Amino acid sequence: MKKKALIFVAFCFFAFSLFSADFKTVFSLSPQITINTDKAGAPSPVKFGVGIGFELPLFKNMIFAPHLTFSTNYYLVANNKVLPAEIENRTALAPSFMLDIPFGYKIPIKNFSLTPKIGLGTFLRYGFLANGVSKAESDLVDFINKGFYKDLAWLYPMAEIDFDFLIKEKLMAGFGLKYYLPLGSVLKGETLQNSIFALQFRFAF
């Protein structure tokens, strides 16, 4: 199922390149912090993501801007919950893809543009037994992988604002600020837990 989802995303990106001559390709580097308020897990971990996306003009200054960011993180199980882990207490290593599906409104100002965006993020994760961890903990890895997709833990409404500067014709560089609201945690009354804040450095052409 996850493989089919990634193939579908890749197909969509390719289709956008065929049907729009004005689309932009965006590469990104993004330090991110995931808020963890449970002391049984790691202090709010900072990780780094690399991403690729597109900006597809719709009408007037409206754009559709899907973006896929790859990162990794360690996880453990404590208090019957999946929590981020420090390397010395890790159980699973989880490669992760955050797929942003936002719409934005681009505001051009001379050689600069400001673009607020809102949309949905889908957090696609799958954990593997971390190197050096006993195979006896394999059942915990299964628990972690089920927890990634339980009670809408994968769904993150998101908001973003981008600041881009024109370097030369069709080449832009800038940065963006992102916030991901963890819907699964909100439904449990833990709004801040698993919130993600990201600073994204962007290059578009």
N, C-alpha and C. Protein backbone atom coordinates (compact mmCIF):
# COMPACT_ATOMS: atom_id res chain seq x y z
N MET A 1 0.84 -1.20 0.00
CA MET A 1 0.00 0.00 0.00
C MET A 1 0.87 1.25 0.00
N LYS A 2 1.91 1.26 0.88
CA LYS A 2 2.78 2.43 0.95
C LYS A 2 3.56 2.60 -0.36
N LYS A 3 3.99 1.45 -0.96
CA LYS A 3 4.72 1.52 -2.23
C LYS A 3 3.84 2.10 -3.32
N LYS A 4 2.57 1.67 -3.36
CA LYS A 4 1.63 2.21 -4.35
C LYS A 4 1.43 3.71 -4.17
N ALA A 5 1.38 4.16 -2.91
CA ALA A 5 1.20 5.59 -2.63
C ALA A 5 2.38 6.39 -3.16
N LEU A 6 3.61 5.89 -2.97
CA LEU A 6 4.79 6.60 -3.45
C LEU A 6 4.84 6.63 -4.98
N ILE A 7 4.43 5.52 -5.62
CA ILE A 7 4.38 5.48 -7.09
C ILE A 7 3.37 6.50 -7.60
N PHE A 8 2.22 6.61 -6.91
CA PHE A 8 1.19 7.58 -7.31
C PHE A 8 1.72 9.01 -7.20
N VAL A 9 2.45 9.30 -6.12
CA VAL A 9 3.03 10.64 -5.93
C VAL A 9 4.00 10.95 -7.06
N ALA A 10 4.88 9.99 -7.40
CA ALA A 10 5.85 10.20 -8.47
C ALA A 10 5.14 10.44 -9.80
N PHE A 11 4.06 9.71 -10.05
CA PHE A 11 3.29 9.90 -11.28
C PHE A 11 2.69 11.29 -11.35
N CYS A 12 2.15 11.76 -10.21
CA CYS A 12 1.56 13.10 -10.18
C CYS A 12 2.60 14.17 -10.49
N PHE A 13 3.78 14.05 -9.89
CA PHE A 13 4.83 15.02 -10.15
C PHE A 13 5.19 15.04 -11.63
N PHE A 14 5.30 13.84 -12.25
CA PHE A 14 5.64 13.76 -13.67
C PHE A 14 4.54 14.38 -14.52
N ALA A 15 3.28 14.13 -14.16
CA ALA A 15 2.16 14.68 -14.92
C ALA A 15 2.15 16.20 -14.88
N PHE A 16 2.49 16.79 -13.71
CA PHE A 16 2.53 18.24 -13.60
C PHE A 16 3.56 18.82 -14.57
N SER A 17 4.70 18.14 -14.71
CA SER A 17 5.76 18.65 -15.59
C SER A 17 5.34 18.62 -17.05
N LEU A 18 4.45 17.69 -17.41
CA LEU A 18 3.99 17.60 -18.78
C LEU A 18 2.95 18.65 -19.13
N PHE A 19 2.08 18.95 -18.17
CA PHE A 19 0.92 19.78 -18.48
C PHE A 19 1.08 21.25 -18.12
N SER A 20 2.20 21.63 -17.56
CA SER A 20 2.38 23.04 -17.25
C SER A 20 3.79 23.49 -17.61
N ALA A 21 3.86 24.44 -18.51
CA ALA A 21 5.16 24.97 -18.89
C ALA A 21 5.68 25.95 -17.85
N ASP A 22 4.82 26.42 -16.95
CA ASP A 22 5.21 27.44 -15.97
C ASP A 22 5.52 26.85 -14.60
N PHE A 23 5.49 25.56 -14.48
CA PHE A 23 5.72 24.99 -13.15
C PHE A 23 7.18 25.16 -12.74
N LYS A 24 7.42 25.18 -11.43
CA LYS A 24 8.76 25.28 -10.90
C LYS A 24 9.10 24.01 -10.12
N THR A 25 10.35 23.59 -10.24
CA THR A 25 10.86 22.49 -9.42
C THR A 25 11.54 23.10 -8.20
N VAL A 26 11.26 22.54 -7.03
CA VAL A 26 11.78 23.09 -5.77
C VAL A 26 12.57 22.00 -5.04
N PHE A 27 13.82 22.31 -4.70
CA PHE A 27 14.63 21.44 -3.85
C PHE A 27 14.76 22.10 -2.48
N SER A 28 14.83 21.27 -1.43
CA SER A 28 14.85 21.85 -0.10
C SER A 28 15.76 21.08 0.86
N LEU A 29 16.26 21.80 1.85
CA LEU A 29 16.95 21.25 3.01
C LEU A 29 16.25 21.84 4.23
N SER A 30 15.91 20.99 5.21
CA SER A 30 15.08 21.51 6.29
C SER A 30 15.39 20.88 7.64
N PRO A 31 15.99 21.66 8.55
CA PRO A 31 16.03 21.22 9.94
C PRO A 31 14.62 21.27 10.52
N GLN A 32 14.27 20.23 11.30
CA GLN A 32 12.92 20.11 11.86
C GLN A 32 13.01 19.73 13.33
N ILE A 33 12.07 20.19 14.11
CA ILE A 33 11.98 19.76 15.50
C ILE A 33 10.59 19.18 15.74
N THR A 34 10.55 17.98 16.31
CA THR A 34 9.29 17.32 16.67
C THR A 34 9.11 17.41 18.18
N ILE A 35 8.02 18.02 18.59
CA ILE A 35 7.80 18.24 20.02
C ILE A 35 7.42 16.93 20.71
N ASN A 36 8.17 16.59 21.76
CA ASN A 36 7.84 15.44 22.60
C ASN A 36 7.70 15.90 24.04
N THR A 37 6.51 15.79 24.59
CA THR A 37 6.25 16.24 25.96
C THR A 37 6.28 15.08 26.97
N ASP A 38 6.50 13.85 26.47
CA ASP A 38 6.53 12.67 27.35
C ASP A 38 7.98 12.39 27.74
N LYS A 39 8.27 12.46 29.02
CA LYS A 39 9.64 12.31 29.50
C LYS A 39 10.19 10.90 29.33
N ALA A 40 9.33 9.94 29.00
CA ALA A 40 9.80 8.58 28.77
C ALA A 40 10.54 8.45 27.44
N GLY A 41 10.35 9.42 26.56
CA GLY A 41 11.03 9.42 25.27
C GLY A 41 12.16 10.43 25.25
N ALA A 42 12.73 10.63 24.07
CA ALA A 42 13.83 11.58 23.91
C ALA A 42 13.32 13.01 24.05
N PRO A 43 14.18 13.94 24.50
CA PRO A 43 13.82 15.36 24.40
C PRO A 43 13.49 15.68 22.94
N SER A 44 12.65 16.65 22.73
CA SER A 44 12.17 16.96 21.37
C SER A 44 13.30 16.88 20.35
N PRO A 45 13.27 15.85 19.48
CA PRO A 45 14.41 15.62 18.58
C PRO A 45 14.46 16.60 17.42
N VAL A 46 15.68 16.94 17.03
CA VAL A 46 15.93 17.74 15.84
C VAL A 46 16.47 16.80 14.76
N LYS A 47 15.87 16.84 13.60
CA LYS A 47 16.34 16.02 12.49
C LYS A 47 16.43 16.89 11.25
N PHE A 48 17.05 16.35 10.20
CA PHE A 48 17.25 17.10 8.97
C PHE A 48 16.61 16.36 7.81
N GLY A 49 15.90 17.11 6.98
CA GLY A 49 15.22 16.51 5.85
C GLY A 49 15.71 17.08 4.53
N VAL A 50 15.62 16.27 3.49
CA VAL A 50 15.89 16.72 2.12
C VAL A 50 14.63 16.48 1.31
N GLY A 51 14.30 17.41 0.43
CA GLY A 51 13.03 17.28 -0.26
C GLY A 51 13.04 17.77 -1.69
N ILE A 52 11.99 17.39 -2.39
CA ILE A 52 11.75 17.86 -3.76
C ILE A 52 10.26 18.10 -3.92
N GLY A 53 9.92 19.13 -4.68
CA GLY A 53 8.52 19.42 -4.90
C GLY A 53 8.34 20.26 -6.14
N PHE A 54 7.10 20.69 -6.35
CA PHE A 54 6.76 21.49 -7.52
C PHE A 54 5.81 22.60 -7.14
N GLU A 55 5.83 23.66 -7.91
CA GLU A 55 4.83 24.72 -7.79
C GLU A 55 4.11 24.83 -9.12
N LEU A 56 2.83 24.56 -9.11
CA LEU A 56 2.03 24.55 -10.32
C LEU A 56 1.05 25.71 -10.29
N PRO A 57 1.19 26.69 -11.21
CA PRO A 57 0.24 27.81 -11.24
C PRO A 57 -1.17 27.33 -11.56
N LEU A 58 -2.16 27.91 -10.88
CA LEU A 58 -3.55 27.56 -11.12
C LEU A 58 -4.27 28.70 -11.81
N PHE A 59 -4.60 29.77 -11.09
CA PHE A 59 -5.22 30.96 -11.68
C PHE A 59 -4.80 32.16 -10.86
N LYS A 60 -4.65 33.28 -11.53
CA LYS A 60 -4.12 34.49 -10.90
C LYS A 60 -2.83 34.13 -10.15
N ASN A 61 -2.76 34.39 -8.85
CA ASN A 61 -1.54 34.09 -8.11
C ASN A 61 -1.64 32.81 -7.28
N MET A 62 -2.68 32.03 -7.49
CA MET A 62 -2.86 30.78 -6.75
C MET A 62 -1.93 29.70 -7.31
N ILE A 63 -1.37 28.89 -6.41
CA ILE A 63 -0.51 27.79 -6.83
C ILE A 63 -0.87 26.52 -6.05
N PHE A 64 -0.56 25.39 -6.67
CA PHE A 64 -0.62 24.08 -6.01
C PHE A 64 0.83 23.63 -5.84
N ALA A 65 1.24 23.28 -4.62
CA ALA A 65 2.67 23.11 -4.35
C ALA A 65 2.97 21.83 -3.56
N PRO A 66 2.79 20.65 -4.17
CA PRO A 66 3.13 19.41 -3.45
C PRO A 66 4.63 19.33 -3.20
N HIS A 67 5.00 18.76 -2.05
CA HIS A 67 6.42 18.66 -1.69
C HIS A 67 6.63 17.39 -0.87
N LEU A 68 7.69 16.66 -1.17
CA LEU A 68 7.99 15.40 -0.48
C LEU A 68 9.34 15.54 0.22
N THR A 69 9.36 15.33 1.54
CA THR A 69 10.59 15.47 2.34
C THR A 69 10.94 14.15 3.00
N PHE A 70 12.22 13.77 2.86
CA PHE A 70 12.71 12.52 3.45
C PHE A 70 13.55 12.82 4.68
N SER A 71 13.34 12.03 5.75
CA SER A 71 14.14 12.14 6.96
C SER A 71 14.12 10.79 7.67
N THR A 72 14.86 10.68 8.76
CA THR A 72 14.84 9.45 9.56
C THR A 72 14.79 9.83 11.04
N ASN A 73 14.33 8.87 11.86
CA ASN A 73 14.32 9.10 13.30
C ASN A 73 14.27 7.77 14.03
N TYR A 74 14.74 7.77 15.28
CA TYR A 74 14.66 6.59 16.13
C TYR A 74 13.38 6.65 16.98
N TYR A 75 12.82 5.45 17.28
CA TYR A 75 11.61 5.38 18.10
C TYR A 75 11.72 4.26 19.13
N LEU A 76 10.94 4.38 20.19
CA LEU A 76 10.81 3.35 21.21
C LEU A 76 9.35 3.26 21.63
N VAL A 77 9.04 2.28 22.47
CA VAL A 77 7.70 2.13 23.03
C VAL A 77 7.79 2.33 24.54
N ALA A 78 6.97 3.24 25.07
CA ALA A 78 6.90 3.48 26.51
C ALA A 78 5.49 3.95 26.85
N ASN A 79 4.99 3.51 27.98
CA ASN A 79 3.63 3.90 28.41
C ASN A 79 2.59 3.57 27.34
N ASN A 80 2.85 2.46 26.61
CA ASN A 80 1.95 2.00 25.56
C ASN A 80 1.81 3.02 24.43
N LYS A 81 2.86 3.83 24.22
CA LYS A 81 2.86 4.84 23.17
C LYS A 81 4.14 4.75 22.37
N VAL A 82 4.07 5.20 21.12
CA VAL A 82 5.26 5.31 20.27
C VAL A 82 5.87 6.68 20.49
N LEU A 83 7.14 6.71 20.91
CA LEU A 83 7.81 7.97 21.23
C LEU A 83 9.16 8.05 20.52
N PRO A 84 9.62 9.26 20.23
CA PRO A 84 10.97 9.41 19.68
C PRO A 84 12.00 8.95 20.70
N ALA A 85 13.11 8.41 20.20
CA ALA A 85 14.10 7.83 21.10
C ALA A 85 15.47 8.43 20.85
N GLU A 86 16.27 8.47 21.92
CA GLU A 86 17.69 8.78 21.78
C GLU A 86 18.41 7.53 21.30
N ILE A 87 19.58 7.71 20.72
CA ILE A 87 20.27 6.59 20.08
C ILE A 87 20.57 5.45 21.06
N GLU A 88 20.84 5.78 22.33
CA GLU A 88 21.18 4.74 23.30
C GLU A 88 19.96 3.95 23.78
N ASN A 89 18.75 4.47 23.53
CA ASN A 89 17.53 3.78 23.96
C ASN A 89 16.64 3.39 22.79
N ARG A 90 17.17 3.38 21.61
CA ARG A 90 16.37 3.16 20.41
C ARG A 90 15.89 1.71 20.31
N THR A 91 14.75 1.56 19.66
CA THR A 91 14.26 0.23 19.27
C THR A 91 14.19 0.12 17.76
N ALA A 92 13.62 1.15 17.12
CA ALA A 92 13.44 1.12 15.67
C ALA A 92 14.03 2.36 15.01
N LEU A 93 14.52 2.17 13.80
CA LEU A 93 14.91 3.27 12.93
C LEU A 93 13.86 3.36 11.84
N ALA A 94 13.28 4.54 11.67
CA ALA A 94 12.18 4.70 10.71
C ALA A 94 12.51 5.73 9.64
N PRO A 95 12.81 5.29 8.41
CA PRO A 95 12.82 6.23 7.29
C PRO A 95 11.43 6.82 7.11
N SER A 96 11.37 8.11 6.81
CA SER A 96 10.07 8.80 6.79
C SER A 96 9.95 9.71 5.58
N PHE A 97 8.75 9.78 5.05
CA PHE A 97 8.42 10.72 3.98
C PHE A 97 7.24 11.57 4.43
N MET A 98 7.42 12.88 4.44
CA MET A 98 6.31 13.79 4.70
C MET A 98 5.87 14.38 3.36
N LEU A 99 4.66 14.07 2.96
CA LEU A 99 4.11 14.59 1.71
C LEU A 99 3.20 15.77 2.03
N ASP A 100 3.62 16.96 1.62
CA ASP A 100 2.80 18.17 1.78
C ASP A 100 1.90 18.31 0.56
N ILE A 101 0.62 18.63 0.79
CA ILE A 101 -0.32 18.87 -0.30
C ILE A 101 -1.00 20.22 -0.03
N PRO A 102 -0.27 21.33 -0.22
CA PRO A 102 -0.84 22.64 0.08
C PRO A 102 -1.21 23.45 -1.16
N PHE A 103 -2.08 24.42 -0.94
CA PHE A 103 -2.35 25.46 -1.92
C PHE A 103 -1.83 26.77 -1.35
N GLY A 104 -1.32 27.64 -2.23
CA GLY A 104 -0.75 28.89 -1.77
C GLY A 104 -1.16 30.07 -2.63
N TYR A 105 -0.86 31.25 -2.11
CA TYR A 105 -1.12 32.49 -2.85
C TYR A 105 0.18 33.27 -2.90
N LYS A 106 0.73 33.40 -4.10
CA LYS A 106 2.03 34.05 -4.28
C LYS A 106 1.85 35.55 -4.42
N ILE A 107 2.58 36.30 -3.59
CA ILE A 107 2.50 37.76 -3.61
C ILE A 107 3.85 38.30 -4.10
N PRO A 108 3.95 38.71 -5.36
CA PRO A 108 5.22 39.22 -5.88
C PRO A 108 5.47 40.65 -5.43
N ILE A 109 6.72 40.93 -5.01
CA ILE A 109 7.12 42.28 -4.60
C ILE A 109 8.50 42.53 -5.20
N LYS A 110 8.53 43.15 -6.39
CA LYS A 110 9.78 43.38 -7.13
C LYS A 110 10.52 42.05 -7.32
N ASN A 111 11.75 41.92 -6.80
CA ASN A 111 12.52 40.69 -6.97
C ASN A 111 12.33 39.71 -5.81
N PHE A 112 11.20 39.82 -5.15
CA PHE A 112 10.94 39.04 -3.95
C PHE A 112 9.50 38.55 -4.01
N SER A 113 9.24 37.39 -3.43
CA SER A 113 7.84 36.92 -3.35
C SER A 113 7.57 36.35 -1.97
N LEU A 114 6.35 36.55 -1.51
CA LEU A 114 5.87 36.05 -0.23
C LEU A 114 4.70 35.11 -0.53
N THR A 115 4.76 33.88 -0.02
CA THR A 115 3.73 32.90 -0.36
C THR A 115 3.21 32.18 0.88
N PRO A 116 2.05 32.57 1.41
CA PRO A 116 1.41 31.77 2.46
C PRO A 116 0.74 30.54 1.85
N LYS A 117 0.78 29.42 2.58
CA LYS A 117 0.18 28.18 2.09
C LYS A 117 -0.54 27.48 3.24
N ILE A 118 -1.59 26.76 2.90
CA ILE A 118 -2.24 25.86 3.85
C ILE A 118 -2.57 24.57 3.12
N GLY A 119 -2.62 23.47 3.87
CA GLY A 119 -2.92 22.20 3.24
C GLY A 119 -2.84 21.06 4.23
N LEU A 120 -2.58 19.88 3.70
CA LEU A 120 -2.46 18.67 4.50
C LEU A 120 -1.10 18.04 4.31
N GLY A 121 -0.56 17.50 5.39
CA GLY A 121 0.65 16.70 5.31
C GLY A 121 0.31 15.26 5.65
N THR A 122 0.85 14.32 4.89
CA THR A 122 0.69 12.90 5.19
C THR A 122 2.07 12.34 5.54
N PHE A 123 2.18 11.79 6.74
CA PHE A 123 3.47 11.35 7.27
C PHE A 123 3.57 9.83 7.08
N LEU A 124 4.38 9.43 6.09
CA LEU A 124 4.54 8.03 5.73
C LEU A 124 5.81 7.49 6.38
N ARG A 125 5.66 6.53 7.30
CA ARG A 125 6.82 6.00 8.05
C ARG A 125 6.76 4.48 8.12
N TYR A 126 7.93 3.88 8.15
CA TYR A 126 8.01 2.45 8.38
C TYR A 126 9.30 2.15 9.14
N GLY A 127 9.17 1.49 10.30
CA GLY A 127 10.32 1.26 11.15
C GLY A 127 10.94 -0.11 10.95
N PHE A 128 12.27 -0.16 11.15
CA PHE A 128 13.04 -1.39 11.11
C PHE A 128 13.78 -1.53 12.44
N LEU A 129 14.03 -2.75 12.85
CA LEU A 129 14.81 -2.97 14.06
C LEU A 129 16.16 -2.28 13.91
N ALA A 130 16.47 -1.38 14.84
CA ALA A 130 17.69 -0.60 14.75
C ALA A 130 18.92 -1.49 14.91
N ASN A 131 20.00 -1.09 14.28
CA ASN A 131 21.25 -1.85 14.34
C ASN A 131 21.72 -1.98 15.79
N GLY A 132 22.05 -3.21 16.19
CA GLY A 132 22.54 -3.44 17.53
C GLY A 132 21.47 -3.74 18.55
N VAL A 133 20.21 -3.70 18.15
CA VAL A 133 19.10 -3.98 19.06
C VAL A 133 18.73 -5.47 18.95
N SER A 134 18.45 -6.10 20.08
CA SER A 134 18.12 -7.52 20.12
C SER A 134 16.88 -7.85 19.30
N LYS A 135 16.92 -8.99 18.60
CA LYS A 135 15.77 -9.42 17.82
C LYS A 135 14.56 -9.71 18.70
N ALA A 136 14.80 -9.86 20.00
CA ALA A 136 13.69 -10.07 20.93
C ALA A 136 12.73 -8.88 20.96
N GLU A 137 13.18 -7.73 20.46
CA GLU A 137 12.34 -6.53 20.46
C GLU A 137 11.58 -6.36 19.15
N SER A 138 11.59 -7.38 18.30
CA SER A 138 10.89 -7.28 17.01
C SER A 138 9.40 -7.00 17.18
N ASP A 139 8.79 -7.55 18.23
CA ASP A 139 7.37 -7.29 18.46
C ASP A 139 7.11 -5.81 18.74
N LEU A 140 8.08 -5.15 19.36
CA LEU A 140 7.93 -3.71 19.62
C LEU A 140 7.99 -2.92 18.31
N VAL A 141 8.78 -3.41 17.37
CA VAL A 141 8.83 -2.75 16.05
C VAL A 141 7.47 -2.84 15.37
N ASP A 142 6.83 -4.00 15.48
CA ASP A 142 5.48 -4.16 14.92
C ASP A 142 4.50 -3.18 15.58
N PHE A 143 4.62 -3.02 16.90
CA PHE A 143 3.77 -2.08 17.62
C PHE A 143 4.01 -0.65 17.12
N ILE A 144 5.27 -0.31 16.92
CA ILE A 144 5.63 1.02 16.43
C ILE A 144 5.01 1.28 15.06
N ASN A 145 5.14 0.31 14.15
CA ASN A 145 4.61 0.51 12.79
C ASN A 145 3.09 0.62 12.78
N LYS A 146 2.42 -0.11 13.64
CA LYS A 146 0.96 0.04 13.74
C LYS A 146 0.61 1.40 14.33
N GLY A 147 1.41 1.85 15.29
CA GLY A 147 1.15 3.14 15.91
C GLY A 147 1.29 4.31 14.96
N PHE A 148 2.16 4.17 13.95
CA PHE A 148 2.35 5.24 12.97
C PHE A 148 1.06 5.56 12.22
N TYR A 149 0.17 4.57 12.07
CA TYR A 149 -1.02 4.76 11.24
C TYR A 149 -2.32 4.58 12.03
N LYS A 150 -2.20 4.54 13.36
CA LYS A 150 -3.37 4.37 14.22
C LYS A 150 -3.96 5.73 14.60
N ASP A 151 -5.28 5.82 14.64
CA ASP A 151 -5.97 7.03 15.12
C ASP A 151 -5.51 8.30 14.41
N LEU A 152 -5.34 8.21 13.09
CA LEU A 152 -4.97 9.37 12.26
C LEU A 152 -3.61 9.97 12.64
N ALA A 153 -2.71 9.14 13.19
CA ALA A 153 -1.39 9.64 13.56
C ALA A 153 -0.56 10.05 12.35
N TRP A 154 -0.99 9.68 11.16
CA TRP A 154 -0.27 9.99 9.93
C TRP A 154 -0.72 11.30 9.28
N LEU A 155 -1.78 11.91 9.79
CA LEU A 155 -2.38 13.07 9.12
C LEU A 155 -2.03 14.36 9.86
N TYR A 156 -1.45 15.31 9.14
CA TYR A 156 -0.97 16.56 9.73
C TYR A 156 -1.45 17.77 8.90
N PRO A 157 -2.55 18.43 9.29
CA PRO A 157 -2.84 19.72 8.68
C PRO A 157 -1.64 20.64 8.86
N MET A 158 -1.32 21.43 7.82
CA MET A 158 -0.09 22.21 7.89
C MET A 158 -0.30 23.63 7.35
N ALA A 159 0.56 24.51 7.83
CA ALA A 159 0.58 25.90 7.36
C ALA A 159 2.04 26.26 7.09
N GLU A 160 2.23 27.11 6.12
CA GLU A 160 3.59 27.45 5.68
C GLU A 160 3.62 28.88 5.15
N ILE A 161 4.75 29.53 5.30
CA ILE A 161 4.96 30.80 4.64
C ILE A 161 6.37 30.81 4.06
N ASP A 162 6.48 31.13 2.77
CA ASP A 162 7.76 31.10 2.05
C ASP A 162 8.19 32.51 1.66
N PHE A 163 9.50 32.72 1.75
CA PHE A 163 10.11 33.97 1.32
C PHE A 163 11.16 33.62 0.27
N ASP A 164 10.93 34.04 -0.97
CA ASP A 164 11.82 33.68 -2.07
C ASP A 164 12.37 34.93 -2.76
N PHE A 165 13.64 34.84 -3.15
CA PHE A 165 14.33 35.95 -3.81
C PHE A 165 14.78 35.51 -5.19
N LEU A 166 14.58 36.39 -6.18
CA LEU A 166 14.99 36.09 -7.55
C LEU A 166 16.50 36.30 -7.67
N ILE A 167 17.22 35.22 -7.98
CA ILE A 167 18.68 35.30 -8.15
C ILE A 167 19.02 35.70 -9.57
N LYS A 168 18.44 35.02 -10.50
CA LYS A 168 18.49 35.40 -11.90
C LYS A 168 17.28 34.80 -12.58
N GLU A 169 17.13 34.98 -13.88
CA GLU A 169 15.90 34.57 -14.56
C GLU A 169 15.54 33.12 -14.23
N LYS A 170 14.35 32.92 -13.69
CA LYS A 170 13.77 31.63 -13.36
C LYS A 170 14.46 30.89 -12.21
N LEU A 171 15.48 31.48 -11.60
CA LEU A 171 16.16 30.84 -10.47
C LEU A 171 15.87 31.64 -9.21
N MET A 172 15.30 30.97 -8.21
CA MET A 172 14.96 31.63 -6.96
C MET A 172 15.54 30.85 -5.79
N ALA A 173 15.85 31.54 -4.73
CA ALA A 173 16.33 30.92 -3.50
C ALA A 173 15.68 31.63 -2.32
N GLY A 174 15.47 30.90 -1.25
CA GLY A 174 14.83 31.52 -0.10
C GLY A 174 14.64 30.52 1.03
N PHE A 175 13.68 30.81 1.87
CA PHE A 175 13.42 29.92 3.00
C PHE A 175 11.93 29.94 3.33
N GLY A 176 11.51 28.91 4.04
CA GLY A 176 10.12 28.82 4.45
C GLY A 176 10.00 28.37 5.88
N LEU A 177 8.93 28.76 6.53
CA LEU A 177 8.62 28.32 7.89
C LEU A 177 7.37 27.46 7.84
N LYS A 178 7.42 26.29 8.48
CA LYS A 178 6.30 25.35 8.43
C LYS A 178 5.87 24.92 9.82
N TYR A 179 4.58 24.66 9.93
CA TYR A 179 4.05 24.05 11.16
C TYR A 179 3.09 22.94 10.77
N TYR A 180 3.29 21.76 11.38
CA TYR A 180 2.43 20.61 11.15
C TYR A 180 1.66 20.30 12.44
N LEU A 181 0.35 20.30 12.35
CA LEU A 181 -0.52 20.01 13.50
C LEU A 181 -0.85 18.52 13.52
N PRO A 182 -0.46 17.78 14.58
CA PRO A 182 -0.68 16.33 14.61
C PRO A 182 -2.13 15.99 14.94
N LEU A 183 -2.90 15.64 13.94
CA LEU A 183 -4.33 15.42 14.15
C LEU A 183 -4.60 14.28 15.13
N GLY A 184 -3.78 13.22 15.05
CA GLY A 184 -3.96 12.11 15.97
C GLY A 184 -3.80 12.53 17.42
N SER A 185 -2.81 13.37 17.70
CA SER A 185 -2.59 13.86 19.07
C SER A 185 -3.69 14.81 19.51
N VAL A 186 -4.16 15.64 18.59
CA VAL A 186 -5.24 16.58 18.91
C VAL A 186 -6.49 15.82 19.36
N LEU A 187 -6.79 14.74 18.66
CA LEU A 187 -7.98 13.95 19.00
C LEU A 187 -7.86 13.28 20.37
N LYS A 188 -6.62 13.13 20.85
CA LYS A 188 -6.38 12.56 22.18
C LYS A 188 -6.22 13.64 23.24
N GLY A 189 -6.37 14.91 22.85
CA GLY A 189 -6.23 16.01 23.80
C GLY A 189 -4.79 16.37 24.09
N GLU A 190 -3.86 15.99 23.20
CA GLU A 190 -2.43 16.28 23.38
C GLU A 190 -1.94 17.11 22.20
N THR A 191 -2.46 18.32 22.07
CA THR A 191 -2.23 19.11 20.86
C THR A 191 -0.76 19.33 20.55
N LEU A 192 0.05 19.61 21.56
CA LEU A 192 1.44 19.93 21.30
C LEU A 192 2.27 18.69 20.98
N GLN A 193 1.93 17.55 21.57
CA GLN A 193 2.70 16.32 21.36
C GLN A 193 2.74 15.94 19.88
N ASN A 194 3.94 15.73 19.36
CA ASN A 194 4.19 15.35 17.96
C ASN A 194 4.02 16.50 16.97
N SER A 195 3.80 17.73 17.45
CA SER A 195 3.82 18.88 16.54
C SER A 195 5.20 18.99 15.90
N ILE A 196 5.22 19.41 14.65
CA ILE A 196 6.49 19.54 13.92
C ILE A 196 6.65 20.99 13.46
N PHE A 197 7.79 21.57 13.77
CA PHE A 197 8.18 22.88 13.27
C PHE A 197 9.39 22.70 12.35
N ALA A 198 9.38 23.35 11.22
CA ALA A 198 10.47 23.18 10.25
C ALA A 198 10.88 24.51 9.66
N LEU A 199 12.18 24.64 9.45
CA LEU A 199 12.76 25.76 8.70
C LEU A 199 13.28 25.17 7.40
N GLN A 200 12.73 25.61 6.29
CA GLN A 200 13.07 25.02 5.00
C GLN A 200 13.86 26.00 4.14
N PHE A 201 15.05 25.58 3.73
CA PHE A 201 15.84 26.36 2.78
C PHE A 201 15.50 25.85 1.37
N ARG A 202 15.11 26.78 0.48
CA ARG A 202 14.51 26.42 -0.79
C ARG A 202 15.32 26.93 -1.97
N PHE A 203 15.35 26.12 -3.04
CA PHE A 203 15.94 26.52 -4.32
C PHE A 203 14.96 26.12 -5.41
N ALA A 204 14.51 27.09 -6.19
CA ALA A 204 13.48 26.83 -7.19
C ALA A 204 13.93 27.31 -8.56
N PHE A 205 13.58 26.53 -9.57
CA PHE A 205 13.87 26.95 -10.96
C PHE A 205 12.84 26.39 -11.90
